[in-house]
Amino acid sequence: MKNISHILQDEFIGLDVKVVKSTNPSCVNLRGRVIDETKNTFRIICKDGEEKVLIKENCVFHFTLLDKTIIEVDGKVLIGRPEDRVKKMIRRRW
């Protein structure tokens, strides 16, 4: 089993993402590649070239890592500036 406890401190730009749950029904099943990240949002580019902005707090994401591992992350734990999240220590709860 892979140790993916570091995923919350990794960079998400460039990863493939799929929205599996959202409070906005039009965002569910959106797929694309993360091209930008802010404190509260991800900007993704879909296969048809359209850019979408997803609010982190409202979504649950499936990220596909470089080794094709798919992980599910609740957007609520990703809120915050990316540069601060990388530095933050994460307390394990499992």
PDB file of N, CA and C in Angstrom:
ATOM      1  N   MET A   1       0.837  -1.187   0.000  1.00  0.00           N
ATOM      2  CA  MET A   1       0.000   0.000   0.000  1.00  0.00           C
ATOM      3  C   MET A   1       0.877   1.244   0.000  1.00  0.00           C
ATOM      4  N   LYS A   2       0.492   2.220  -0.768  1.00  0.00           N
ATOM      5  CA  LYS A   2       1.266   3.443  -0.873  1.00  0.00           C
ATOM      6  C   LYS A   2       0.950   4.365   0.294  1.00  0.00           C
ATOM      7  N   ASN A   3       1.946   5.124   0.702  1.00  0.00           N
ATOM      8  CA  ASN A   3       1.755   6.120   1.743  1.00  0.00           C
ATOM      9  C   ASN A   3       1.362   7.425   1.056  1.00  0.00           C
ATOM     10  N   ILE A   4       0.105   7.793   1.154  1.00  0.00           N
ATOM     11  CA  ILE A   4      -0.347   9.018   0.497  1.00  0.00           C
ATOM     12  C   ILE A   4      -0.703  10.089   1.518  1.00  0.00           C
ATOM     13  N   SER A   5      -0.154   9.997   2.718  1.00  0.00           N
ATOM     14  CA  SER A   5      -0.449  10.987   3.741  1.00  0.00           C
ATOM     15  C   SER A   5       0.093  12.361   3.376  1.00  0.00           C
ATOM     16  N   HIS A   6       1.033  12.421   2.471  1.00  0.00           N
ATOM     17  CA  HIS A   6       1.631  13.691   2.066  1.00  0.00           C
ATOM     18  C   HIS A   6       0.815  14.421   1.007  1.00  0.00           C
ATOM     19  N   ILE A   7      -0.255  13.838   0.510  1.00  0.00           N
ATOM     20  CA  ILE A   7      -0.966  14.400  -0.637  1.00  0.00           C
ATOM     21  C   ILE A   7      -1.518  15.789  -0.360  1.00  0.00           C
ATOM     22  N   LEU A   8      -1.917  16.069   0.862  1.00  0.00           N
ATOM     23  CA  LEU A   8      -2.470  17.382   1.164  1.00  0.00           C
ATOM     24  C   LEU A   8      -1.410  18.475   1.111  1.00  0.00           C
ATOM     25  N   GLN A   9      -0.151  18.099   1.146  1.00  0.00           N
ATOM     26  CA  GLN A   9       0.922  19.072   1.075  1.00  0.00           C
ATOM     27  C   GLN A   9       1.546  19.132  -0.318  1.00  0.00           C
ATOM     28  N   ASP A  10       1.027  18.381  -1.259  1.00  0.00           N
ATOM     29  CA  ASP A  10       1.576  18.355  -2.615  1.00  0.00           C
ATOM     30  C   ASP A  10       0.973  19.456  -3.480  1.00  0.00           C
ATOM     31  N   GLU A  11       1.582  19.627  -4.613  1.00  0.00           N
ATOM     32  CA  GLU A  11       1.110  20.570  -5.625  1.00  0.00           C
ATOM     33  C   GLU A  11       0.045  19.887  -6.473  1.00  0.00           C
ATOM     34  N   PHE A  12      -1.071  20.564  -6.720  1.00  0.00           N
ATOM     35  CA  PHE A  12      -2.160  19.987  -7.496  1.00  0.00           C
ATOM     36  C   PHE A  12      -2.169  20.453  -8.948  1.00  0.00           C
ATOM     37  N   ILE A  13      -1.449  21.530  -9.242  1.00  0.00           N
ATOM     38  CA  ILE A  13      -1.420  22.027 -10.616  1.00  0.00           C
ATOM     39  C   ILE A  13      -0.778  20.973 -11.515  1.00  0.00           C
ATOM     40  N   GLY A  14      -1.452  20.643 -12.593  1.00  0.00           N
ATOM     41  CA  GLY A  14      -0.968  19.643 -13.535  1.00  0.00           C
ATOM     42  C   GLY A  14      -1.603  18.277 -13.359  1.00  0.00           C
ATOM     43  N   LEU A  15      -2.316  18.061 -12.260  1.00  0.00           N
ATOM     44  CA  LEU A  15      -2.961  16.766 -12.037  1.00  0.00           C
ATOM     45  C   LEU A  15      -4.329  16.730 -12.708  1.00  0.00           C
ATOM     46  N   ASP A  16      -4.738  15.530 -13.121  1.00  0.00           N
ATOM     47  CA  ASP A  16      -6.086  15.332 -13.643  1.00  0.00           C
ATOM     48  C   ASP A  16      -7.046  15.246 -12.464  1.00  0.00           C
ATOM     49  N   VAL A  17      -8.217  15.839 -12.624  1.00  0.00           N
ATOM     50  CA  VAL A  17      -9.187  15.902 -11.535  1.00  0.00           C
ATOM     51  C   VAL A  17     -10.582  15.595 -12.060  1.00  0.00           C
ATOM     52  N   LYS A  18     -11.383  14.988 -11.198  1.00  0.00           N
ATOM     53  CA  LYS A  18     -12.799  14.747 -11.492  1.00  0.00           C
ATOM     54  C   LYS A  18     -13.584  15.146 -10.250  1.00  0.00           C
ATOM     55  N   VAL A  19     -14.697  15.836 -10.446  1.00  0.00           N
ATOM     56  CA  VAL A  19     -15.571  16.217  -9.333  1.00  0.00           C
ATOM     57  C   VAL A  19     -16.575  15.092  -9.144  1.00  0.00           C
ATOM     58  N   VAL A  20     -16.574  14.469  -7.958  1.00  0.00           N
ATOM     59  CA  VAL A  20     -17.491  13.356  -7.712  1.00  0.00           C
ATOM     60  C   VAL A  20     -18.714  13.772  -6.909  1.00  0.00           C
ATOM     61  N   LYS A  21     -18.597  14.822  -6.093  1.00  0.00           N
ATOM     62  CA  LYS A  21     -19.732  15.355  -5.341  1.00  0.00           C
ATOM     63  C   LYS A  21     -19.603  16.865  -5.329  1.00  0.00           C
ATOM     64  N   SER A  22     -20.746  17.527  -5.359  1.00  0.00           N
ATOM     65  CA  SER A  22     -20.734  18.976  -5.297  1.00  0.00           C
ATOM     66  C   SER A  22     -22.103  19.476  -4.882  1.00  0.00           C
ATOM     67  N   THR A  23     -22.125  20.628  -4.223  1.00  0.00           N
ATOM     68  CA  THR A  23     -23.400  21.251  -3.899  1.00  0.00           C
ATOM     69  C   THR A  23     -24.014  21.871  -5.146  1.00  0.00           C
ATOM     70  N   ASN A  24     -23.208  22.078  -6.179  1.00  0.00           N
ATOM     71  CA  ASN A  24     -23.688  22.579  -7.464  1.00  0.00           C
ATOM     72  C   ASN A  24     -23.802  21.391  -8.420  1.00  0.00           C
ATOM     73  N   PRO A  25     -25.000  20.957  -8.749  1.00  0.00           N
ATOM     74  CA  PRO A  25     -25.166  19.759  -9.580  1.00  0.00           C
ATOM     75  C   PRO A  25     -24.511  19.851 -10.954  1.00  0.00           C
ATOM     76  N   SER A  26     -24.324  21.045 -11.483  1.00  0.00           N
ATOM     77  CA  SER A  26     -23.702  21.168 -12.798  1.00  0.00           C
ATOM     78  C   SER A  26     -22.202  20.886 -12.759  1.00  0.00           C
ATOM     79  N   CYS A  27     -21.612  20.848 -11.570  1.00  0.00           N
ATOM     80  CA  CYS A  27     -20.174  20.567 -11.453  1.00  0.00           C
ATOM     81  C   CYS A  27     -19.866  19.078 -11.325  1.00  0.00           C
ATOM     82  N   VAL A  28     -20.854  18.279 -10.947  1.00  0.00           N
ATOM     83  CA  VAL A  28     -20.628  16.847 -10.758  1.00  0.00           C
ATOM     84  C   VAL A  28     -20.218  16.219 -12.089  1.00  0.00           C
ATOM     85  N   ASN A  29     -19.209  15.359 -12.045  1.00  0.00           N
ATOM     86  CA  ASN A  29     -18.637  14.645 -13.192  1.00  0.00           C
ATOM     87  C   ASN A  29     -17.812  15.525 -14.124  1.00  0.00           C
ATOM     88  N   LEU A  30     -17.492  16.747 -13.727  1.00  0.00           N
ATOM     89  CA  LEU A  30     -16.566  17.549 -14.523  1.00  0.00           C
ATOM     90  C   LEU A  30     -15.179  16.930 -14.426  1.00  0.00           C
ATOM     91  N   ARG A  31     -14.499  16.856 -15.546  1.00  0.00           N
ATOM     92  CA  ARG A  31     -13.146  16.313 -15.597  1.00  0.00           C
ATOM     93  C   ARG A  31     -12.241  17.318 -16.284  1.00  0.00           C
ATOM     94  N   GLY A  32     -10.992  17.304 -15.886  1.00  0.00           N
ATOM     95  CA  GLY A  32     -10.042  18.184 -16.539  1.00  0.00           C
ATOM     96  C   GLY A  32      -8.698  18.150 -15.849  1.00  0.00           C
ATOM     97  N   ARG A  33      -7.860  19.092 -16.199  1.00  0.00           N
ATOM     98  CA  ARG A  33      -6.532  19.217 -15.614  1.00  0.00           C
ATOM     99  C   ARG A  33      -6.463  20.536 -14.863  1.00  0.00           C
ATOM    100  N   VAL A  34      -5.929  20.493 -13.655  1.00  0.00           N
ATOM    101  CA  VAL A  34      -5.803  21.700 -12.842  1.00  0.00           C
ATOM    102  C   VAL A  34      -4.738  22.599 -13.470  1.00  0.00           C
ATOM    103  N   ILE A  35      -5.125  23.852 -13.764  1.00  0.00           N
ATOM    104  CA  ILE A  35      -4.164  24.784 -14.352  1.00  0.00           C
ATOM    105  C   ILE A  35      -3.837  25.935 -13.409  1.00  0.00           C
ATOM    106  N   ASP A  36      -4.661  26.133 -12.363  1.00  0.00           N
ATOM    107  CA  ASP A  36      -4.383  27.196 -11.401  1.00  0.00           C
ATOM    108  C   ASP A  36      -5.103  26.878 -10.104  1.00  0.00           C
ATOM    109  N   GLU A  37      -4.527  27.344  -9.001  1.00  0.00           N
ATOM    110  CA  GLU A  37      -5.124  27.131  -7.695  1.00  0.00           C
ATOM    111  C   GLU A  37      -5.010  28.422  -6.902  1.00  0.00           C
ATOM    112  N   THR A  38      -6.111  28.816  -6.273  1.00  0.00           N
ATOM    113  CA  THR A  38      -6.103  29.950  -5.368  1.00  0.00           C
ATOM    114  C   THR A  38      -6.520  29.459  -3.994  1.00  0.00           C
ATOM    115  N   LYS A  39      -6.732  30.383  -3.074  1.00  0.00           N
ATOM    116  CA  LYS A  39      -7.107  30.025  -1.713  1.00  0.00           C
ATOM    117  C   LYS A  39      -8.388  29.195  -1.671  1.00  0.00           C
ATOM    118  N   ASN A  40      -9.375  29.567  -2.474  1.00  0.00           N
ATOM    119  CA  ASN A  40     -10.687  28.918  -2.407  1.00  0.00           C
ATOM    120  C   ASN A  40     -11.120  28.209  -3.678  1.00  0.00           C
ATOM    121  N   THR A  41     -10.309  28.251  -4.734  1.00  0.00           N
ATOM    122  CA  THR A  41     -10.766  27.684  -6.002  1.00  0.00           C
ATOM    123  C   THR A  41      -9.675  26.900  -6.729  1.00  0.00           C
ATOM    124  N   PHE A  42     -10.137  26.029  -7.622  1.00  0.00           N
ATOM    125  CA  PHE A  42      -9.295  25.395  -8.628  1.00  0.00           C
ATOM    126  C   PHE A  42      -9.792  25.875  -9.979  1.00  0.00           C
ATOM    127  N   ARG A  43      -8.890  26.186 -10.886  1.00  0.00           N
ATOM    128  CA  ARG A  43      -9.269  26.450 -12.274  1.00  0.00           C
ATOM    129  C   ARG A  43      -8.810  25.245 -13.064  1.00  0.00           C
ATOM    130  N   ILE A  44      -9.753  24.636 -13.795  1.00  0.00           N
ATOM    131  CA  ILE A  44      -9.418  23.456 -14.588  1.00  0.00           C
ATOM    132  C   ILE A  44      -9.703  23.737 -16.052  1.00  0.00           C
ATOM    133  N   ILE A  45      -9.019  23.011 -16.900  1.00  0.00           N
ATOM    134  CA  ILE A  45      -9.304  23.070 -18.333  1.00  0.00           C
ATOM    135  C   ILE A  45      -9.836  21.702 -18.731  1.00  0.00           C
ATOM    136  N   CYS A  46     -11.019  21.706 -19.312  1.00  0.00           N
ATOM    137  CA  CYS A  46     -11.679  20.466 -19.720  1.00  0.00           C
ATOM    138  C   CYS A  46     -11.138  20.013 -21.070  1.00  0.00           C
ATOM    139  N   LYS A  47     -11.509  18.813 -21.484  1.00  0.00           N
ATOM    140  CA  LYS A  47     -11.015  18.260 -22.750  1.00  0.00           C
ATOM    141  C   LYS A  47     -11.440  19.072 -23.957  1.00  0.00           C
ATOM    142  N   ASP A  48     -12.576  19.748 -23.873  1.00  0.00           N
ATOM    143  CA  ASP A  48     -13.035  20.559 -24.996  1.00  0.00           C
ATOM    144  C   ASP A  48     -12.389  21.946 -25.019  1.00  0.00           C
ATOM    145  N   GLY A  49     -11.449  22.197 -24.101  1.00  0.00           N
ATOM    146  CA  GLY A  49     -10.730  23.465 -24.065  1.00  0.00           C
ATOM    147  C   GLY A  49     -11.390  24.528 -23.210  1.00  0.00           C
ATOM    148  N   GLU A  50     -12.537  24.218 -22.655  1.00  0.00           N
ATOM    149  CA  GLU A  50     -13.260  25.181 -21.823  1.00  0.00           C
ATOM    150  C   GLU A  50     -12.658  25.214 -20.420  1.00  0.00           C
ATOM    151  N   GLU A  51     -12.504  26.408 -19.867  1.00  0.00           N
ATOM    152  CA  GLU A  51     -11.995  26.568 -18.506  1.00  0.00           C
ATOM    153  C   GLU A  51     -13.161  26.695 -17.545  1.00  0.00           C
ATOM    154  N   LYS A  52     -13.036  26.027 -16.405  1.00  0.00           N
ATOM    155  CA  LYS A  52     -14.048  26.090 -15.352  1.00  0.00           C
ATOM    156  C   LYS A  52     -13.362  26.448 -14.046  1.00  0.00           C
ATOM    157  N   VAL A  53     -14.079  27.152 -13.186  1.00  0.00           N
ATOM    158  CA  VAL A  53     -13.585  27.478 -11.852  1.00  0.00           C
ATOM    159  C   VAL A  53     -14.428  26.702 -10.856  1.00  0.00           C
ATOM    160  N   LEU A  54     -13.774  25.911 -10.014  1.00  0.00           N
ATOM    161  CA  LEU A  54     -14.459  25.080  -9.028  1.00  0.00           C
ATOM    162  C   LEU A  54     -14.144  25.603  -7.631  1.00  0.00           C
ATOM    163  N   ILE A  55     -15.169  25.756  -6.816  1.00  0.00           N
ATOM    164  CA  ILE A  55     -14.979  26.195  -5.442  1.00  0.00           C
ATOM    165  C   ILE A  55     -14.626  24.971  -4.604  1.00  0.00           C
ATOM    166  N   LYS A  56     -13.491  25.026  -3.920  1.00  0.00           N
ATOM    167  CA  LYS A  56     -12.987  23.873  -3.169  1.00  0.00           C
ATOM    168  C   LYS A  56     -13.971  23.407  -2.103  1.00  0.00           C
ATOM    169  N   GLU A  57     -14.536  24.336  -1.369  1.00  0.00           N
ATOM    170  CA  GLU A  57     -15.380  24.002  -0.222  1.00  0.00           C
ATOM    171  C   GLU A  57     -16.617  23.197  -0.615  1.00  0.00           C
ATOM    172  N   ASN A  58     -17.092  23.380  -1.833  1.00  0.00           N
ATOM    173  CA  ASN A  58     -18.339  22.752  -2.258  1.00  0.00           C
ATOM    174  C   ASN A  58     -18.167  21.399  -2.932  1.00  0.00           C
ATOM    175  N   CYS A  59     -16.948  20.922  -3.108  1.00  0.00           N
ATOM    176  CA  CYS A  59     -16.719  19.737  -3.938  1.00  0.00           C
ATOM    177  C   CYS A  59     -15.906  18.661  -3.225  1.00  0.00           C
ATOM    178  N   VAL A  60     -16.081  17.440  -3.709  1.00  0.00           N
ATOM    179  CA  VAL A  60     -15.206  16.315  -3.372  1.00  0.00           C
ATOM    180  C   VAL A  60     -14.557  15.902  -4.686  1.00  0.00           C
ATOM    181  N   PHE A  61     -13.228  15.774  -4.666  1.00  0.00           N
ATOM    182  CA  PHE A  61     -12.460  15.557  -5.886  1.00  0.00           C
ATOM    183  C   PHE A  61     -11.821  14.179  -5.915  1.00  0.00           C
ATOM    184  N   HIS A  62     -11.653  13.643  -7.120  1.00  0.00           N
ATOM    185  CA  HIS A  62     -10.787  12.488  -7.373  1.00  0.00           C
ATOM    186  C   HIS A  62      -9.597  13.017  -8.165  1.00  0.00           C
ATOM    187  N   PHE A  63      -8.417  12.934  -7.586  1.00  0.00           N
ATOM    188  CA  PHE A  63      -7.188  13.346  -8.265  1.00  0.00           C
ATOM    189  C   PHE A  63      -6.465  12.111  -8.765  1.00  0.00           C
ATOM    190  N   THR A  64      -5.962  12.162  -9.983  1.00  0.00           N
ATOM    191  CA  THR A  64      -5.165  11.081 -10.550  1.00  0.00           C
ATOM    192  C   THR A  64      -3.704  11.498 -10.469  1.00  0.00           C
ATOM    193  N   LEU A  65      -2.947  10.769  -9.652  1.00  0.00           N
ATOM    194  CA  LEU A  65      -1.529  11.083  -9.476  1.00  0.00           C
ATOM    195  C   LEU A  65      -0.742  10.627 -10.690  1.00  0.00           C
ATOM    196  N   LEU A  66       0.538  10.979 -10.726  1.00  0.00           N
ATOM    197  CA  LEU A  66       1.372  10.648 -11.878  1.00  0.00           C
ATOM    198  C   LEU A  66       1.526   9.149 -12.092  1.00  0.00           C
ATOM    199  N   ASP A  67       1.439   8.356 -11.003  1.00  0.00           N
ATOM    200  CA  ASP A  67       1.555   6.900 -11.132  1.00  0.00           C
ATOM    201  C   ASP A  67       0.191   6.231 -11.337  1.00  0.00           C
ATOM    202  N   LYS A  68      -0.817   7.020 -11.728  1.00  0.00           N
ATOM    203  CA  LYS A  68      -2.184   6.567 -12.044  1.00  0.00           C
ATOM    204  C   LYS A  68      -2.991   6.167 -10.821  1.00  0.00           C
ATOM    205  N   THR A  69      -2.511   6.474  -9.619  1.00  0.00           N
ATOM    206  CA  THR A  69      -3.273   6.244  -8.404  1.00  0.00           C
ATOM    207  C   THR A  69      -4.358   7.308  -8.304  1.00  0.00           C
ATOM    208  N   ILE A  70      -5.564   6.895  -7.980  1.00  0.00           N
ATOM    209  CA  ILE A  70      -6.677   7.832  -7.833  1.00  0.00           C
ATOM    210  C   ILE A  70      -6.982   7.968  -6.347  1.00  0.00           C
ATOM    211  N   ILE A  71      -7.013   9.220  -5.884  1.00  0.00           N
ATOM    212  CA  ILE A  71      -7.330   9.463  -4.483  1.00  0.00           C
ATOM    213  C   ILE A  71      -8.505  10.421  -4.387  1.00  0.00           C
ATOM    214  N   GLU A  72      -9.300  10.265  -3.338  1.00  0.00           N
ATOM    215  CA  GLU A  72     -10.448  11.130  -3.109  1.00  0.00           C
ATOM    216  C   GLU A  72     -10.101  12.113  -2.004  1.00  0.00           C
ATOM    217  N   VAL A  73     -10.362  13.400  -2.267  1.00  0.00           N
ATOM    218  CA  VAL A  73     -10.048  14.447  -1.306  1.00  0.00           C
ATOM    219  C   VAL A  73     -11.249  15.378  -1.189  1.00  0.00           C
ATOM    220  N   ASP A  74     -11.661  15.621   0.050  1.00  0.00           N
ATOM    221  CA  ASP A  74     -12.721  16.597   0.291  1.00  0.00           C
ATOM    222  C   ASP A  74     -12.116  17.987   0.151  1.00  0.00           C
ATOM    223  N   GLY A  75     -12.752  18.838  -0.611  1.00  0.00           N
ATOM    224  CA  GLY A  75     -12.233  20.171  -0.866  1.00  0.00           C
ATOM    225  C   GLY A  75     -12.097  21.026   0.372  1.00  0.00           C
ATOM    226  N   LYS A  76     -12.846  20.720   1.420  1.00  0.00           N
ATOM    227  CA  LYS A  76     -12.773  21.507   2.653  1.00  0.00           C
ATOM    228  C   LYS A  76     -11.399  21.453   3.292  1.00  0.00           C
ATOM    229  N   VAL A  77     -10.684  20.350   3.120  1.00  0.00           N
ATOM    230  CA  VAL A  77      -9.344  20.246   3.714  1.00  0.00           C
ATOM    231  C   VAL A  77      -8.285  20.936   2.863  1.00  0.00           C
ATOM    232  N   LEU A  78      -8.659  21.370   1.663  1.00  0.00           N
ATOM    233  CA  LEU A  78      -7.716  22.032   0.764  1.00  0.00           C
ATOM    234  C   LEU A  78      -7.819  23.548   0.803  1.00  0.00           C
ATOM    235  N   ILE A  79      -8.765  24.077   1.586  1.00  0.00           N
ATOM    236  CA  ILE A  79      -8.952  25.525   1.629  1.00  0.00           C
ATOM    237  C   ILE A  79      -7.716  26.169   2.253  1.00  0.00           C
ATOM    238  N   GLY A  80      -7.254  27.192   1.625  1.00  0.00           N
ATOM    239  CA  GLY A  80      -6.080  27.924   2.085  1.00  0.00           C
ATOM    240  C   GLY A  80      -5.140  28.175   0.928  1.00  0.00           C
ATOM    241  N   ARG A  81      -4.240  29.099   1.124  1.00  0.00           N
ATOM    242  CA  ARG A  81      -3.290  29.415   0.070  1.00  0.00           C
ATOM    243  C   ARG A  81      -2.381  28.215  -0.166  1.00  0.00           C
ATOM    244  N   PRO A  82      -2.132  27.883  -1.422  1.00  0.00           N
ATOM    245  CA  PRO A  82      -1.325  26.704  -1.727  1.00  0.00           C
ATOM    246  C   PRO A  82       0.064  26.754  -1.082  1.00  0.00           C
ATOM    247  N   GLU A  83       0.687  27.923  -1.069  1.00  0.00           N
ATOM    248  CA  GLU A  83       2.023  28.020  -0.500  1.00  0.00           C
ATOM    249  C   GLU A  83       2.025  27.809   1.013  1.00  0.00           C
ATOM    250  N   ASP A  84       0.921  28.130   1.691  1.00  0.00           N
ATOM    251  CA  ASP A  84       0.827  27.879   3.128  1.00  0.00           C
ATOM    252  C   ASP A  84       0.512  26.419   3.412  1.00  0.00           C
ATOM    253  N   ARG A  85      -0.307  25.802   2.555  1.00  0.00           N
ATOM    254  CA  ARG A  85      -0.671  24.401   2.744  1.00  0.00           C
ATOM    255  C   ARG A  85       0.552  23.493   2.631  1.00  0.00           C
ATOM    256  N   VAL A  86       1.482  23.837   1.771  1.00  0.00           N
ATOM    257  CA  VAL A  86       2.684  23.026   1.585  1.00  0.00           C
ATOM    258  C   VAL A  86       3.530  23.040   2.850  1.00  0.00           C
ATOM    259  N   LYS A  87       3.539  24.161   3.557  1.00  0.00           N
ATOM    260  CA  LYS A  87       4.354  24.296   4.763  1.00  0.00           C
ATOM    261  C   LYS A  87       3.683  23.740   6.011  1.00  0.00           C
ATOM    262  N   LYS A  88       2.353  23.599   5.983  1.00  0.00           N
ATOM    263  CA  LYS A  88       1.601  23.225   7.169  1.00  0.00           C
ATOM    264  C   LYS A  88       1.817  21.759   7.549  1.00  0.00           C
ATOM    265  N   MET A  89       1.931  21.506   8.838  1.00  0.00           N
ATOM    266  CA  MET A  89       2.016  20.133   9.337  1.00  0.00           C
ATOM    267  C   MET A  89       0.600  19.589   9.453  1.00  0.00           C
ATOM    268  N   ILE A  90       0.373  18.391   8.950  1.00  0.00           N
ATOM    269  CA  ILE A  90      -0.930  17.754   8.991  1.00  0.00           C
ATOM    270  C   ILE A  90      -0.939  16.727  10.113  1.00  0.00           C
ATOM    271  N   ARG A  91      -1.914  16.828  10.993  1.00  0.00           N
ATOM    272  CA  ARG A  91      -2.039  15.870  12.076  1.00  0.00           C
ATOM    273  C   ARG A  91      -2.795  14.659  11.551  1.00  0.00           C
ATOM    274  N   ARG A  92      -2.217  13.484  11.723  1.00  0.00           N
ATOM    275  CA  ARG A  92      -2.885  12.263  11.261  1.00  0.00           C
ATOM    276  C   ARG A  92      -4.023  11.912  12.180  1.00  0.00           C
ATOM    277  N   ARG A  93      -5.141  11.555  11.597  1.00  0.00           N
ATOM    278  CA  ARG A  93      -6.319  11.186  12.388  1.00  0.00           C
ATOM    279  C   ARG A  93      -6.720   9.732  12.171  1.00  0.00           C
ATOM    280  N   TRP A  94      -5.827   8.946  11.618  1.00  0.00           N
ATOM    281  CA  TRP A  94      -6.139   7.533  11.391  1.00  0.00           C
ATOM    282  C   TRP A  94      -5.019   6.662  11.881  1.00  0.00           C
TER     283      TRP A  94
END
